[in-house]
Amino acid sequence: MKNKKNIFLRLFSRQGIDSPSMKEQVRGVLLELLPNGIAYTGTVAAKLGVSEQTVLDELEEENCTFQEVLEEARKTLAINYIQQDYRLEEIVCLLGYTNTRALISIFKERLL
């Protein structure tokens, strides 16, 4: 899989098309991993075929943090799950929150 991704990115470069930003790449991997309860920088970096430090450095260059991208991905998935009538407890588990209050407080923060 890693080789296919690298080939894909090289094709982008050759054709003068910008490759996806690190933020976009991290978000994509998180959207894939979060339903399995996985949201670790190291796991995301391994999926992208780069070091954890590379992920963090490139996100910093893009003026964001891993935590911000993670919360953005969680919010996207939460909205999707709510629209599909998932129970709150299920959403909490799927997104890797420790409890229902943690999920609710994140949404309150985002709405205020």
N, C-alpha and C. Protein backbone atom coordinates (compact mmCIF):
# COMPACT_ATOMS: atom_id res chain seq x y z
N MET A 1 0.82 -1.19 0.00
CA MET A 1 0.00 0.00 0.00
C MET A 1 0.87 1.26 0.00
N LYS A 2 1.94 1.22 0.81
CA LYS A 2 2.82 2.38 0.91
C LYS A 2 3.43 2.69 -0.45
N ASN A 3 3.82 1.65 -1.19
CA ASN A 3 4.41 1.87 -2.52
C ASN A 3 3.41 2.49 -3.48
N LYS A 4 2.16 2.05 -3.43
CA LYS A 4 1.13 2.63 -4.30
C LYS A 4 0.95 4.11 -4.01
N LYS A 5 0.98 4.47 -2.72
CA LYS A 5 0.82 5.86 -2.34
C LYS A 5 1.99 6.69 -2.84
N ASN A 6 3.20 6.18 -2.68
CA ASN A 6 4.38 6.91 -3.14
C ASN A 6 4.36 7.10 -4.66
N ILE A 7 3.95 6.07 -5.38
CA ILE A 7 3.84 6.17 -6.84
C ILE A 7 2.81 7.23 -7.21
N PHE A 8 1.68 7.21 -6.51
CA PHE A 8 0.62 8.18 -6.74
C PHE A 8 1.14 9.60 -6.54
N LEU A 9 1.86 9.83 -5.44
CA LEU A 9 2.39 11.17 -5.16
C LEU A 9 3.43 11.58 -6.19
N ARG A 10 4.25 10.64 -6.65
CA ARG A 10 5.23 10.96 -7.70
C ARG A 10 4.53 11.33 -9.00
N LEU A 11 3.44 10.65 -9.31
CA LEU A 11 2.68 10.99 -10.52
C LEU A 11 2.13 12.41 -10.43
N PHE A 12 1.64 12.78 -9.25
CA PHE A 12 1.19 14.15 -9.04
C PHE A 12 2.31 15.12 -9.36
N SER A 13 3.48 14.85 -8.81
CA SER A 13 4.63 15.76 -8.98
C SER A 13 5.01 15.89 -10.45
N ARG A 14 5.06 14.79 -11.15
CA ARG A 14 5.45 14.81 -12.57
C ARG A 14 4.47 15.59 -13.43
N GLN A 15 3.22 15.54 -13.06
CA GLN A 15 2.21 16.20 -13.88
C GLN A 15 1.96 17.63 -13.44
N GLY A 16 2.77 18.11 -12.53
CA GLY A 16 2.63 19.49 -12.08
C GLY A 16 1.42 19.72 -11.19
N ILE A 17 0.85 18.64 -10.69
CA ILE A 17 -0.30 18.75 -9.80
C ILE A 17 0.23 18.72 -8.38
N ASP A 18 -0.25 19.61 -7.55
CA ASP A 18 0.19 19.62 -6.16
C ASP A 18 -0.30 18.37 -5.45
N SER A 19 0.60 17.78 -4.68
CA SER A 19 0.19 16.63 -3.88
C SER A 19 -0.63 17.15 -2.70
N PRO A 20 -1.44 16.28 -2.11
CA PRO A 20 -2.25 16.72 -0.98
C PRO A 20 -1.37 17.23 0.16
N SER A 21 -1.85 18.22 0.88
CA SER A 21 -1.11 18.75 2.02
C SER A 21 -1.02 17.67 3.10
N MET A 22 -0.10 17.85 4.02
CA MET A 22 0.01 16.89 5.13
C MET A 22 -1.29 16.88 5.93
N LYS A 23 -1.90 18.03 6.11
CA LYS A 23 -3.16 18.10 6.84
C LYS A 23 -4.22 17.23 6.15
N GLU A 24 -4.32 17.34 4.83
CA GLU A 24 -5.29 16.54 4.08
C GLU A 24 -4.98 15.05 4.18
N GLN A 25 -3.69 14.72 4.10
CA GLN A 25 -3.29 13.32 4.19
C GLN A 25 -3.60 12.74 5.58
N VAL A 26 -3.26 13.49 6.62
CA VAL A 26 -3.51 13.05 7.99
C VAL A 26 -5.01 12.91 8.22
N ARG A 27 -5.77 13.88 7.77
CA ARG A 27 -7.23 13.83 7.93
C ARG A 27 -7.80 12.59 7.25
N GLY A 28 -7.34 12.30 6.04
CA GLY A 28 -7.81 11.12 5.31
C GLY A 28 -7.51 9.83 6.05
N VAL A 29 -6.30 9.72 6.60
CA VAL A 29 -5.93 8.52 7.35
C VAL A 29 -6.76 8.42 8.63
N LEU A 30 -6.95 9.55 9.31
CA LEU A 30 -7.75 9.54 10.53
C LEU A 30 -9.19 9.12 10.25
N LEU A 31 -9.76 9.59 9.16
CA LEU A 31 -11.13 9.21 8.81
C LEU A 31 -11.24 7.71 8.59
N GLU A 32 -10.15 7.12 8.13
CA GLU A 32 -10.10 5.67 7.91
C GLU A 32 -9.88 4.92 9.24
N LEU A 33 -9.04 5.45 10.11
CA LEU A 33 -8.65 4.74 11.32
C LEU A 33 -9.59 4.95 12.51
N LEU A 34 -10.17 6.13 12.62
CA LEU A 34 -10.98 6.45 13.80
C LEU A 34 -12.13 5.47 14.07
N PRO A 35 -12.83 4.99 13.05
CA PRO A 35 -13.90 4.03 13.35
C PRO A 35 -13.40 2.75 14.03
N ASN A 36 -12.09 2.52 13.98
CA ASN A 36 -11.50 1.37 14.67
C ASN A 36 -10.90 1.79 16.01
N GLY A 37 -11.13 3.04 16.41
CA GLY A 37 -10.64 3.53 17.69
C GLY A 37 -9.17 3.89 17.69
N ILE A 38 -8.58 4.05 16.53
CA ILE A 38 -7.15 4.35 16.43
C ILE A 38 -6.96 5.81 16.04
N ALA A 39 -6.20 6.53 16.87
CA ALA A 39 -5.98 7.96 16.58
C ALA A 39 -4.60 8.39 17.09
N TYR A 40 -3.59 7.61 16.79
CA TYR A 40 -2.25 7.91 17.27
C TYR A 40 -1.38 8.48 16.17
N THR A 41 -0.56 9.43 16.53
CA THR A 41 0.35 10.06 15.56
C THR A 41 1.23 9.01 14.90
N GLY A 42 1.76 8.10 15.67
CA GLY A 42 2.65 7.07 15.14
C GLY A 42 1.98 6.17 14.12
N THR A 43 0.74 5.82 14.39
CA THR A 43 -0.01 4.95 13.47
C THR A 43 -0.30 5.69 12.16
N VAL A 44 -0.68 6.95 12.27
CA VAL A 44 -0.95 7.77 11.08
C VAL A 44 0.33 7.92 10.26
N ALA A 45 1.44 8.21 10.94
CA ALA A 45 2.72 8.38 10.25
C ALA A 45 3.11 7.10 9.52
N ALA A 46 2.94 5.96 10.17
CA ALA A 46 3.27 4.68 9.54
C ALA A 46 2.42 4.45 8.30
N LYS A 47 1.14 4.77 8.38
CA LYS A 47 0.25 4.63 7.21
C LYS A 47 0.70 5.52 6.06
N LEU A 48 1.25 6.68 6.39
CA LEU A 48 1.71 7.62 5.37
C LEU A 48 3.12 7.31 4.89
N GLY A 49 3.80 6.42 5.60
CA GLY A 49 5.16 6.05 5.21
C GLY A 49 6.20 7.09 5.56
N VAL A 50 5.94 7.85 6.62
CA VAL A 50 6.87 8.88 7.07
C VAL A 50 7.04 8.75 8.59
N SER A 51 7.97 9.51 9.14
CA SER A 51 8.17 9.47 10.59
C SER A 51 7.12 10.34 11.29
N GLU A 52 6.96 10.05 12.57
CA GLU A 52 6.06 10.85 13.39
C GLU A 52 6.50 12.31 13.38
N GLN A 53 7.80 12.52 13.48
CA GLN A 53 8.33 13.89 13.51
C GLN A 53 8.04 14.63 12.21
N THR A 54 8.11 13.92 11.08
CA THR A 54 7.80 14.53 9.78
C THR A 54 6.35 15.00 9.76
N VAL A 55 5.45 14.16 10.25
CA VAL A 55 4.03 14.54 10.31
C VAL A 55 3.87 15.81 11.14
N LEU A 56 4.45 15.82 12.33
CA LEU A 56 4.31 16.96 13.23
C LEU A 56 4.94 18.22 12.65
N ASP A 57 6.12 18.07 12.05
CA ASP A 57 6.81 19.23 11.47
C ASP A 57 6.03 19.82 10.29
N GLU A 58 5.55 18.94 9.41
CA GLU A 58 4.82 19.44 8.25
C GLU A 58 3.48 20.06 8.64
N LEU A 59 2.82 19.49 9.65
CA LEU A 59 1.59 20.11 10.13
C LEU A 59 1.88 21.48 10.72
N GLU A 60 2.98 21.60 11.44
CA GLU A 60 3.37 22.89 12.00
C GLU A 60 3.63 23.91 10.89
N GLU A 61 4.27 23.47 9.81
CA GLU A 61 4.50 24.35 8.65
C GLU A 61 3.18 24.83 8.06
N GLU A 62 2.14 24.01 8.18
CA GLU A 62 0.82 24.36 7.68
C GLU A 62 -0.02 25.07 8.75
N ASN A 63 0.62 25.46 9.82
CA ASN A 63 -0.02 26.19 10.92
C ASN A 63 -1.17 25.43 11.58
N CYS A 64 -0.99 24.15 11.79
CA CYS A 64 -1.97 23.38 12.53
C CYS A 64 -1.27 22.29 13.33
N THR A 65 -2.02 21.63 14.18
CA THR A 65 -1.47 20.57 15.01
C THR A 65 -2.20 19.26 14.70
N PHE A 66 -1.59 18.16 15.12
CA PHE A 66 -2.22 16.86 14.96
C PHE A 66 -3.56 16.85 15.69
N GLN A 67 -3.58 17.41 16.89
CA GLN A 67 -4.81 17.43 17.70
C GLN A 67 -5.94 18.17 16.98
N GLU A 68 -5.61 19.28 16.30
CA GLU A 68 -6.63 20.03 15.57
C GLU A 68 -7.19 19.21 14.41
N VAL A 69 -6.32 18.51 13.69
CA VAL A 69 -6.77 17.68 12.57
C VAL A 69 -7.60 16.52 13.10
N LEU A 70 -7.17 15.95 14.21
CA LEU A 70 -7.90 14.85 14.85
C LEU A 70 -9.31 15.29 15.24
N GLU A 71 -9.43 16.44 15.88
CA GLU A 71 -10.75 16.92 16.30
C GLU A 71 -11.64 17.24 15.09
N GLU A 72 -11.03 17.75 14.03
CA GLU A 72 -11.78 18.04 12.81
C GLU A 72 -12.32 16.73 12.20
N ALA A 73 -11.49 15.70 12.17
CA ALA A 73 -11.92 14.40 11.64
C ALA A 73 -13.00 13.79 12.52
N ARG A 74 -12.81 13.88 13.83
CA ARG A 74 -13.83 13.37 14.76
C ARG A 74 -15.16 14.07 14.55
N LYS A 75 -15.12 15.38 14.38
CA LYS A 75 -16.36 16.15 14.20
C LYS A 75 -17.06 15.71 12.91
N THR A 76 -16.30 15.54 11.84
CA THR A 76 -16.87 15.09 10.56
C THR A 76 -17.56 13.75 10.72
N LEU A 77 -16.86 12.81 11.37
CA LEU A 77 -17.43 11.48 11.56
C LEU A 77 -18.63 11.52 12.51
N ALA A 78 -18.54 12.33 13.56
CA ALA A 78 -19.64 12.42 14.52
C ALA A 78 -20.92 12.90 13.83
N ILE A 79 -20.79 13.93 13.02
CA ILE A 79 -21.95 14.45 12.29
C ILE A 79 -22.52 13.37 11.38
N ASN A 80 -21.65 12.64 10.71
CA ASN A 80 -22.08 11.54 9.84
C ASN A 80 -22.81 10.47 10.64
N TYR A 81 -22.26 10.10 11.78
CA TYR A 81 -22.90 9.08 12.63
C TYR A 81 -24.24 9.56 13.17
N ILE A 82 -24.32 10.82 13.56
CA ILE A 82 -25.58 11.37 14.06
C ILE A 82 -26.65 11.31 12.97
N GLN A 83 -26.26 11.66 11.75
CA GLN A 83 -27.20 11.62 10.63
C GLN A 83 -27.66 10.20 10.32
N GLN A 84 -26.82 9.22 10.69
CA GLN A 84 -27.18 7.81 10.48
C GLN A 84 -27.86 7.19 11.69
N ASP A 85 -28.24 8.05 12.65
CA ASP A 85 -28.97 7.63 13.86
C ASP A 85 -28.20 6.69 14.78
N TYR A 86 -26.89 6.83 14.85
CA TYR A 86 -26.11 6.08 15.82
C TYR A 86 -26.43 6.60 17.21
N ARG A 87 -26.37 5.73 18.20
CA ARG A 87 -26.54 6.17 19.59
C ARG A 87 -25.29 6.91 20.03
N LEU A 88 -25.45 7.84 20.96
CA LEU A 88 -24.34 8.64 21.46
C LEU A 88 -23.21 7.76 22.00
N GLU A 89 -23.56 6.71 22.71
CA GLU A 89 -22.55 5.80 23.28
C GLU A 89 -21.73 5.14 22.18
N GLU A 90 -22.38 4.80 21.07
CA GLU A 90 -21.67 4.20 19.94
C GLU A 90 -20.69 5.20 19.32
N ILE A 91 -21.14 6.42 19.18
CA ILE A 91 -20.30 7.47 18.60
C ILE A 91 -19.06 7.70 19.46
N VAL A 92 -19.26 7.73 20.76
CA VAL A 92 -18.16 7.92 21.70
C VAL A 92 -17.10 6.83 21.49
N CYS A 93 -17.54 5.59 21.42
CA CYS A 93 -16.60 4.47 21.22
C CYS A 93 -15.92 4.53 19.86
N LEU A 94 -16.68 4.78 18.83
CA LEU A 94 -16.13 4.81 17.47
C LEU A 94 -15.08 5.90 17.29
N LEU A 95 -15.24 7.00 18.00
CA LEU A 95 -14.32 8.13 17.82
C LEU A 95 -13.21 8.18 18.85
N GLY A 96 -13.16 7.19 19.73
CA GLY A 96 -12.06 7.11 20.68
C GLY A 96 -12.13 8.05 21.86
N TYR A 97 -13.31 8.57 22.16
CA TYR A 97 -13.47 9.41 23.34
C TYR A 97 -13.56 8.51 24.57
N THR A 98 -13.22 9.05 25.72
CA THR A 98 -13.26 8.25 26.94
C THR A 98 -14.66 8.13 27.53
N ASN A 99 -15.49 9.16 27.28
CA ASN A 99 -16.86 9.11 27.79
C ASN A 99 -17.73 10.11 27.01
N THR A 100 -19.02 10.04 27.27
CA THR A 100 -19.98 10.89 26.58
C THR A 100 -19.71 12.37 26.84
N ARG A 101 -19.33 12.70 28.08
CA ARG A 101 -19.06 14.10 28.42
C ARG A 101 -17.94 14.69 27.58
N ALA A 102 -16.93 13.88 27.29
CA ALA A 102 -15.81 14.37 26.48
C ALA A 102 -16.29 14.78 25.09
N LEU A 103 -17.12 13.97 24.48
CA LEU A 103 -17.67 14.28 23.15
C LEU A 103 -18.54 15.54 23.21
N ILE A 104 -19.41 15.61 24.19
CA ILE A 104 -20.30 16.77 24.31
C ILE A 104 -19.51 18.05 24.54
N SER A 105 -18.49 18.00 25.39
CA SER A 105 -17.71 19.21 25.67
C SER A 105 -16.96 19.69 24.43
N ILE A 106 -16.47 18.76 23.60
CA ILE A 106 -15.79 19.15 22.34
C ILE A 106 -16.77 19.89 21.46
N PHE A 107 -17.99 19.38 21.34
CA PHE A 107 -18.98 20.04 20.48
C PHE A 107 -19.41 21.38 21.04
N LYS A 108 -19.52 21.49 22.35
CA LYS A 108 -19.87 22.77 22.96
C LYS A 108 -18.79 23.79 22.67
N GLU A 109 -17.52 23.38 22.81
CA GLU A 109 -16.39 24.28 22.52
C GLU A 109 -16.45 24.78 21.09
N ARG A 110 -16.73 23.87 20.17
CA ARG A 110 -16.75 24.23 18.74
C ARG A 110 -17.91 25.14 18.40
N LEU A 111 -19.02 25.00 19.13
CA LEU A 111 -20.21 25.80 18.82
C LEU A 111 -20.17 27.18 19.44
N LEU A 112 -19.38 27.37 20.48
CA LEU A 112 -19.33 28.67 21.16
C LEU A 112 -18.35 29.60 20.53
